[in-house]
Amino acid sequence: MNYKAFFIKGDDGYIVAECPAIPGCVSQGKTLQEAKKNIKEAIELCFECYKEDKKEIPKDRTRIAEIAVAI
């Protein structure tokens, strides 16, 4: 399965990663590569919790689009 994640560089230099399809599934890393690895692990851990609780794993219905705005 593939899930989307977004990455935001914080003021502290760390990159925060979030998977919007899975509420509360966030991680971080010092580099983009580390943040990607960590969010993958976080998603897999969330799936384990869903399975243990016999809950349905959410499908990724995330759509990401760039929106132009006037400044």
Protein backbone atom coordinates (compact mmCIF):
# COMPACT_ATOMS: atom_id res chain seq x y z
CA MET A 1 0.00 0.00 0.00
CA ASN A 2 1.12 3.54 -0.62
CA TYR A 3 0.30 6.46 1.66
CA LYS A 4 1.03 10.13 1.19
CA ALA A 5 2.97 12.15 3.72
CA PHE A 6 3.90 15.78 3.82
CA PHE A 7 7.09 17.26 5.19
CA ILE A 8 7.66 20.66 6.79
CA LYS A 9 11.04 22.00 7.89
CA GLY A 10 10.75 23.52 11.35
CA ASP A 11 12.58 26.52 12.76
CA ASP A 12 14.79 24.09 14.70
CA GLY A 13 15.99 22.50 11.45
CA TYR A 14 14.15 19.22 11.95
CA ILE A 15 11.76 18.03 9.27
CA VAL A 16 8.31 17.10 10.58
CA ALA A 17 6.43 14.40 8.66
CA GLU A 18 2.71 13.71 8.83
CA CYS A 19 0.49 11.13 7.17
CA PRO A 20 -2.92 12.84 6.91
CA ALA A 21 -4.78 9.59 6.17
CA ILE A 22 -3.91 8.27 9.64
CA PRO A 23 -4.92 10.67 12.43
CA GLY A 24 -2.05 11.39 14.80
CA CYS A 25 0.58 9.68 12.65
CA VAL A 26 3.54 12.05 12.78
CA SER A 27 7.29 11.77 12.99
CA GLN A 28 10.40 13.81 12.30
CA GLY A 29 14.00 13.59 11.18
CA LYS A 30 17.15 15.65 10.84
CA THR A 31 17.11 15.09 7.06
CA LEU A 32 14.37 14.41 4.52
CA GLN A 33 15.68 10.86 4.12
CA GLU A 34 15.50 10.28 7.89
CA ALA A 35 12.02 11.83 8.10
CA LYS A 36 10.80 9.54 5.28
CA LYS A 37 12.22 6.48 7.05
CA ASN A 38 10.69 7.54 10.36
CA ILE A 39 7.21 8.28 8.96
CA LYS A 40 7.23 4.88 7.23
CA GLU A 41 7.97 3.24 10.59
CA ALA A 42 5.25 5.34 12.25
CA ILE A 43 2.69 4.28 9.62
CA GLU A 44 3.63 0.62 10.10
CA LEU A 45 3.30 0.97 13.88
CA CYS A 46 -0.12 2.58 13.46
CA PHE A 47 -1.17 -0.36 11.28
CA GLU A 48 -0.07 -2.78 14.00
CA CYS A 49 -2.25 -0.91 16.51
CA TYR A 50 -5.22 -0.97 14.11
CA LYS A 51 -4.79 -4.74 13.68
CA GLU A 52 -4.44 -5.38 17.43
CA ASP A 53 -7.60 -3.35 18.07
CA LYS A 54 -9.35 -5.13 15.16
CA LYS A 55 -10.00 -1.78 13.48
CA GLU A 56 -10.10 -1.22 9.75
CA ILE A 57 -6.93 0.35 8.36
CA PRO A 58 -7.88 3.69 6.79
CA LYS A 59 -7.48 4.11 3.05
CA ASP A 60 -5.43 7.02 1.82
CA ARG A 61 -7.86 9.42 0.19
CA THR A 62 -5.44 12.33 0.46
CA ARG A 63 -5.27 14.71 -2.48
CA ILE A 64 -2.60 17.36 -2.55
CA ALA A 65 -2.80 20.38 -4.81
CA GLU A 66 -0.95 23.65 -5.12
CA ILE A 67 -3.24 26.65 -4.74
CA ALA A 68 -2.23 30.02 -6.19
CA VAL A 69 -3.15 33.00 -4.02
CA ALA A 70 -2.63 36.73 -4.40
CA ILE A 71 -0.36 38.43 -1.90
